[in-house]
N, C-alpha and C. Protein backbone atom coordinates (compact mmCIF):
# COMPACT_ATOMS: atom_id res chain seq x y z
N LEU A 1 -5.85 14.10 -0.91
CA LEU A 1 -5.46 13.38 -2.10
C LEU A 1 -6.05 14.03 -3.34
N LYS A 2 -5.26 14.06 -4.39
CA LYS A 2 -5.77 14.56 -5.65
C LYS A 2 -6.76 13.56 -6.22
N GLN A 3 -7.75 14.05 -6.93
CA GLN A 3 -8.78 13.17 -7.48
C GLN A 3 -8.24 12.25 -8.57
N THR A 4 -7.08 12.59 -9.14
CA THR A 4 -6.50 11.74 -10.19
C THR A 4 -5.80 10.52 -9.61
N ILE A 5 -5.50 10.54 -8.32
CA ILE A 5 -4.81 9.43 -7.67
C ILE A 5 -5.82 8.35 -7.30
N LYS A 6 -5.51 7.13 -7.68
CA LYS A 6 -6.36 5.99 -7.33
C LYS A 6 -6.02 5.55 -5.91
N CYS A 7 -7.01 5.46 -5.06
CA CYS A 7 -6.81 5.13 -3.66
C CYS A 7 -7.41 3.75 -3.37
N LEU A 8 -6.56 2.79 -3.00
CA LEU A 8 -7.02 1.44 -2.66
C LEU A 8 -7.02 1.31 -1.15
N VAL A 9 -8.17 1.05 -0.56
CA VAL A 9 -8.28 0.97 0.90
C VAL A 9 -8.99 -0.32 1.30
N ASN A 10 -8.98 -0.60 2.61
CA ASN A 10 -9.67 -1.80 3.09
C ASN A 10 -11.11 -1.45 3.49
N LYS A 11 -11.83 -2.43 4.00
CA LYS A 11 -13.25 -2.26 4.30
C LYS A 11 -13.53 -1.25 5.41
N GLY A 12 -12.53 -0.89 6.16
CA GLY A 12 -12.71 0.06 7.25
C GLY A 12 -12.93 1.49 6.78
N TYR A 13 -12.68 1.78 5.52
CA TYR A 13 -12.80 3.13 4.98
C TYR A 13 -14.06 3.27 4.13
N GLN A 14 -15.20 2.82 4.62
CA GLN A 14 -16.43 2.80 3.84
C GLN A 14 -16.87 4.18 3.35
N GLY A 15 -16.65 5.24 4.09
CA GLY A 15 -17.13 6.56 3.70
C GLY A 15 -16.18 7.35 2.83
N ILE A 16 -15.04 6.81 2.49
CA ILE A 16 -14.03 7.58 1.76
C ILE A 16 -14.50 7.96 0.36
N GLN A 17 -15.39 7.21 -0.23
CA GLN A 17 -15.84 7.50 -1.59
C GLN A 17 -16.65 8.80 -1.65
N LYS A 18 -17.19 9.26 -0.53
CA LYS A 18 -17.88 10.55 -0.50
C LYS A 18 -16.88 11.69 -0.61
N VAL A 19 -15.68 11.49 -0.07
CA VAL A 19 -14.65 12.53 -0.06
C VAL A 19 -13.74 12.41 -1.27
N HIS A 20 -13.40 11.19 -1.64
CA HIS A 20 -12.46 10.93 -2.74
C HIS A 20 -13.11 9.97 -3.72
N ALA A 21 -13.54 10.49 -4.85
CA ALA A 21 -14.33 9.69 -5.80
C ALA A 21 -13.52 8.57 -6.44
N ASN A 22 -12.21 8.73 -6.54
CA ASN A 22 -11.37 7.75 -7.23
C ASN A 22 -10.79 6.73 -6.25
N SER A 23 -11.59 6.32 -5.26
CA SER A 23 -11.11 5.30 -4.32
C SER A 23 -11.88 4.01 -4.54
N GLN A 24 -11.20 2.92 -4.24
CA GLN A 24 -11.82 1.61 -4.39
C GLN A 24 -11.81 0.90 -3.05
N VAL A 25 -13.00 0.52 -2.60
CA VAL A 25 -13.19 -0.15 -1.32
C VAL A 25 -13.79 -1.52 -1.60
N PRO A 26 -13.28 -2.57 -0.97
CA PRO A 26 -13.89 -3.89 -1.16
C PRO A 26 -15.35 -3.88 -0.68
N GLN A 27 -16.15 -4.67 -1.30
CA GLN A 27 -17.56 -4.75 -0.93
C GLN A 27 -17.72 -5.62 0.31
N LYS A 28 -18.51 -5.12 1.27
CA LYS A 28 -18.77 -5.89 2.49
C LYS A 28 -19.88 -6.90 2.25
N LYS A 29 -19.82 -7.99 2.99
CA LYS A 29 -20.88 -9.00 2.94
C LYS A 29 -22.10 -8.43 3.65
N PRO A 30 -23.28 -8.52 3.04
CA PRO A 30 -24.48 -8.02 3.73
C PRO A 30 -24.82 -8.88 4.94
N ARG A 31 -25.51 -8.29 5.90
CA ARG A 31 -25.91 -9.05 7.09
C ARG A 31 -26.77 -10.23 6.68
N LYS A 32 -26.45 -11.37 7.22
CA LYS A 32 -27.17 -12.62 6.95
C LYS A 32 -27.27 -12.90 5.45
N GLY A 33 -26.23 -12.55 4.74
CA GLY A 33 -26.22 -12.79 3.30
C GLY A 33 -24.85 -13.23 2.84
N THR A 34 -24.69 -13.37 1.56
CA THR A 34 -23.39 -13.75 1.00
C THR A 34 -23.07 -12.82 -0.16
N LEU A 35 -21.80 -12.75 -0.47
CA LEU A 35 -21.36 -11.97 -1.62
C LEU A 35 -21.51 -12.80 -2.89
N SER A 36 -21.78 -12.12 -3.97
CA SER A 36 -21.85 -12.82 -5.26
C SER A 36 -20.43 -13.23 -5.67
N ASP A 37 -20.35 -14.17 -6.58
CA ASP A 37 -19.04 -14.61 -7.06
C ASP A 37 -18.27 -13.46 -7.71
N GLU A 38 -19.00 -12.60 -8.41
CA GLU A 38 -18.35 -11.45 -9.06
C GLU A 38 -17.78 -10.48 -8.02
N ALA A 39 -18.53 -10.24 -6.94
CA ALA A 39 -18.05 -9.35 -5.87
C ALA A 39 -16.83 -9.95 -5.18
N LYS A 40 -16.84 -11.27 -4.97
CA LYS A 40 -15.68 -11.94 -4.36
C LYS A 40 -14.46 -11.81 -5.26
N LYS A 41 -14.68 -11.97 -6.56
CA LYS A 41 -13.58 -11.86 -7.52
C LYS A 41 -13.01 -10.44 -7.53
N ARG A 42 -13.90 -9.44 -7.46
CA ARG A 42 -13.46 -8.04 -7.43
C ARG A 42 -12.68 -7.76 -6.14
N ASN A 43 -13.15 -8.28 -5.01
CA ASN A 43 -12.45 -8.09 -3.74
C ASN A 43 -11.06 -8.72 -3.77
N ARG A 44 -10.94 -9.90 -4.38
CA ARG A 44 -9.63 -10.56 -4.48
C ARG A 44 -8.69 -9.74 -5.35
N LYS A 45 -9.21 -9.19 -6.44
CA LYS A 45 -8.39 -8.37 -7.33
C LYS A 45 -7.87 -7.13 -6.59
N LEU A 46 -8.76 -6.48 -5.83
CA LEU A 46 -8.34 -5.32 -5.03
C LEU A 46 -7.29 -5.71 -4.00
N ALA A 47 -7.48 -6.85 -3.36
CA ALA A 47 -6.53 -7.31 -2.34
C ALA A 47 -5.16 -7.56 -2.95
N ARG A 48 -5.12 -8.13 -4.16
CA ARG A 48 -3.83 -8.37 -4.83
C ARG A 48 -3.13 -7.06 -5.14
N GLN A 49 -3.88 -6.03 -5.50
CA GLN A 49 -3.28 -4.73 -5.77
C GLN A 49 -2.81 -4.06 -4.48
N ARG A 50 -3.62 -4.17 -3.42
CA ARG A 50 -3.28 -3.52 -2.15
C ARG A 50 -2.09 -4.16 -1.46
N VAL A 51 -1.91 -5.46 -1.63
CA VAL A 51 -0.85 -6.16 -0.90
C VAL A 51 0.53 -5.65 -1.32
N VAL A 52 0.66 -5.18 -2.54
CA VAL A 52 1.95 -4.64 -2.99
C VAL A 52 2.35 -3.45 -2.12
N GLY A 53 1.41 -2.55 -1.89
CA GLY A 53 1.68 -1.40 -1.03
C GLY A 53 1.93 -1.80 0.41
N GLU A 54 1.21 -2.81 0.88
CA GLU A 54 1.39 -3.28 2.25
C GLU A 54 2.79 -3.87 2.45
N HIS A 55 3.31 -4.54 1.44
CA HIS A 55 4.65 -5.09 1.53
C HIS A 55 5.69 -3.97 1.61
N VAL A 56 5.46 -2.89 0.88
CA VAL A 56 6.37 -1.74 0.95
C VAL A 56 6.35 -1.15 2.35
N HIS A 57 5.15 -0.98 2.92
CA HIS A 57 5.04 -0.45 4.29
C HIS A 57 5.80 -1.34 5.27
N ARG A 58 5.65 -2.65 5.12
CA ARG A 58 6.34 -3.57 6.03
C ARG A 58 7.84 -3.41 5.92
N LYS A 59 8.33 -3.33 4.70
CA LYS A 59 9.78 -3.19 4.49
C LYS A 59 10.29 -1.89 5.09
N LEU A 60 9.53 -0.80 4.92
CA LEU A 60 9.97 0.49 5.45
C LEU A 60 9.90 0.52 6.97
N LYS A 61 8.95 -0.20 7.56
CA LYS A 61 8.82 -0.19 9.02
C LYS A 61 9.90 -1.02 9.70
N ILE A 62 10.70 -1.75 8.93
CA ILE A 62 11.84 -2.45 9.52
C ILE A 62 12.77 -1.43 10.17
N PHE A 63 12.84 -0.24 9.54
CA PHE A 63 13.61 0.85 10.12
C PHE A 63 12.77 1.45 11.24
N LYS A 64 13.25 1.43 12.44
CA LYS A 64 12.47 1.85 13.60
C LYS A 64 12.04 3.31 13.54
N ILE A 65 12.73 4.10 12.72
CA ILE A 65 12.38 5.51 12.59
C ILE A 65 10.94 5.66 12.07
N LEU A 66 10.48 4.70 11.29
CA LEU A 66 9.13 4.77 10.73
C LEU A 66 8.13 3.96 11.53
N ALA A 67 8.59 3.02 12.31
CA ALA A 67 7.68 2.16 13.07
C ALA A 67 7.28 2.78 14.40
N ASP A 68 8.17 3.53 15.01
CA ASP A 68 7.92 4.11 16.33
C ASP A 68 7.78 5.62 16.22
N ARG A 69 7.59 6.25 17.36
CA ARG A 69 7.51 7.70 17.41
C ARG A 69 8.87 8.29 17.04
N TYR A 70 8.85 9.30 16.18
CA TYR A 70 10.09 9.96 15.75
C TYR A 70 10.50 10.96 16.82
N ARG A 71 11.68 10.79 17.39
CA ARG A 71 12.10 11.61 18.52
C ARG A 71 13.26 12.56 18.20
N ASN A 72 13.60 12.69 16.95
CA ASN A 72 14.68 13.59 16.57
C ASN A 72 14.12 14.88 15.98
N ARG A 73 15.02 15.69 15.42
CA ARG A 73 14.58 16.96 14.86
C ARG A 73 13.66 16.73 13.67
N ARG A 74 12.53 17.44 13.69
CA ARG A 74 11.55 17.29 12.61
C ARG A 74 12.14 17.69 11.26
N LYS A 75 13.03 18.64 11.31
CA LYS A 75 13.63 19.17 10.09
C LYS A 75 14.35 18.07 9.30
N ARG A 76 14.87 17.08 9.99
CA ARG A 76 15.65 16.03 9.33
C ARG A 76 14.82 14.79 8.98
N PHE A 77 13.56 14.77 9.37
CA PHE A 77 12.73 13.59 9.11
C PHE A 77 12.60 13.32 7.62
N GLY A 78 12.34 14.36 6.84
CA GLY A 78 12.19 14.19 5.39
C GLY A 78 13.44 13.61 4.75
N LEU A 79 14.60 14.12 5.16
CA LEU A 79 15.87 13.62 4.63
C LEU A 79 16.03 12.15 4.98
N ARG A 80 15.78 11.82 6.24
CA ARG A 80 15.96 10.43 6.67
C ARG A 80 14.96 9.50 6.00
N PHE A 81 13.73 9.96 5.85
CA PHE A 81 12.73 9.13 5.17
C PHE A 81 13.14 8.90 3.72
N ASN A 82 13.62 9.94 3.05
CA ASN A 82 14.06 9.79 1.66
C ASN A 82 15.25 8.85 1.55
N LEU A 83 16.15 8.88 2.51
CA LEU A 83 17.28 7.95 2.50
C LEU A 83 16.80 6.50 2.65
N ILE A 84 15.86 6.28 3.54
CA ILE A 84 15.32 4.93 3.73
C ILE A 84 14.59 4.47 2.47
N ALA A 85 13.80 5.36 1.87
CA ALA A 85 13.10 5.01 0.63
C ALA A 85 14.10 4.73 -0.48
N GLY A 86 15.18 5.49 -0.53
CA GLY A 86 16.23 5.25 -1.53
C GLY A 86 16.87 3.89 -1.34
N LEU A 87 17.14 3.53 -0.09
CA LEU A 87 17.70 2.20 0.18
C LEU A 87 16.74 1.10 -0.26
N TYR A 88 15.46 1.30 0.02
CA TYR A 88 14.47 0.30 -0.39
C TYR A 88 14.41 0.20 -1.92
N ASN A 89 14.40 1.34 -2.60
CA ASN A 89 14.35 1.32 -4.07
C ASN A 89 15.59 0.66 -4.65
N TYR A 90 16.74 0.90 -4.04
CA TYR A 90 17.99 0.27 -4.51
C TYR A 90 17.90 -1.24 -4.34
N GLU A 91 17.43 -1.67 -3.17
CA GLU A 91 17.27 -3.11 -2.91
C GLU A 91 16.27 -3.74 -3.88
N LEU A 92 15.19 -3.02 -4.15
CA LEU A 92 14.18 -3.50 -5.08
C LEU A 92 14.75 -3.63 -6.49
N ARG A 93 15.53 -2.64 -6.90
CA ARG A 93 16.15 -2.67 -8.23
C ARG A 93 17.10 -3.85 -8.35
N LEU A 94 17.88 -4.12 -7.28
CA LEU A 94 18.78 -5.27 -7.30
C LEU A 94 17.99 -6.57 -7.44
N ALA A 95 16.89 -6.67 -6.72
CA ALA A 95 16.07 -7.89 -6.79
C ALA A 95 15.46 -8.05 -8.19
N LEU A 96 15.00 -6.95 -8.78
CA LEU A 96 14.42 -7.03 -10.12
C LEU A 96 15.47 -7.41 -11.16
N ASN A 97 16.68 -6.87 -11.01
CA ASN A 97 17.77 -7.23 -11.93
C ASN A 97 18.11 -8.71 -11.80
N LYS A 98 18.11 -9.20 -10.58
CA LYS A 98 18.41 -10.61 -10.35
C LYS A 98 17.37 -11.50 -11.02
N ILE A 99 16.11 -11.10 -10.92
CA ILE A 99 15.03 -11.86 -11.55
C ILE A 99 15.17 -11.83 -13.07
N SER A 100 15.44 -10.64 -13.62
CA SER A 100 15.55 -10.54 -15.08
C SER A 100 16.77 -11.30 -15.59
N ASP A 101 17.85 -11.36 -14.80
CA ASP A 101 19.04 -12.11 -15.21
C ASP A 101 18.75 -13.61 -15.23
N SER A 102 17.86 -14.07 -14.36
CA SER A 102 17.56 -15.50 -14.32
C SER A 102 16.77 -15.93 -15.55
N TYR A 103 16.08 -14.99 -16.21
CA TYR A 103 15.33 -15.32 -17.42
C TYR A 103 16.23 -15.36 -18.65
N ASP A 104 17.41 -14.79 -18.57
CA ASP A 104 18.33 -14.76 -19.72
C ASP A 104 19.01 -16.08 -19.94
């Protein structure tokens, strides 16, 4: 990853900040302790940002080509992935237009 890219990860990636300085990891609760209210608030904010990407992954995995092992020609994987991403973006654009039309 380029250092300019912001990387939002879950608590399982504790060491990633040594490799990628621009990553944000939620703070873990200390043993036999509690998190401060500020740390909880920061963790919730990170979770709200991360969930957007998780929803995209879920939508893309509806297509079995991305959920299971890819068994076709590797050469065509990029094309097929781009087609699936294009379908998702088209669907997203339709949904956003529908929302903006409801405000008019």
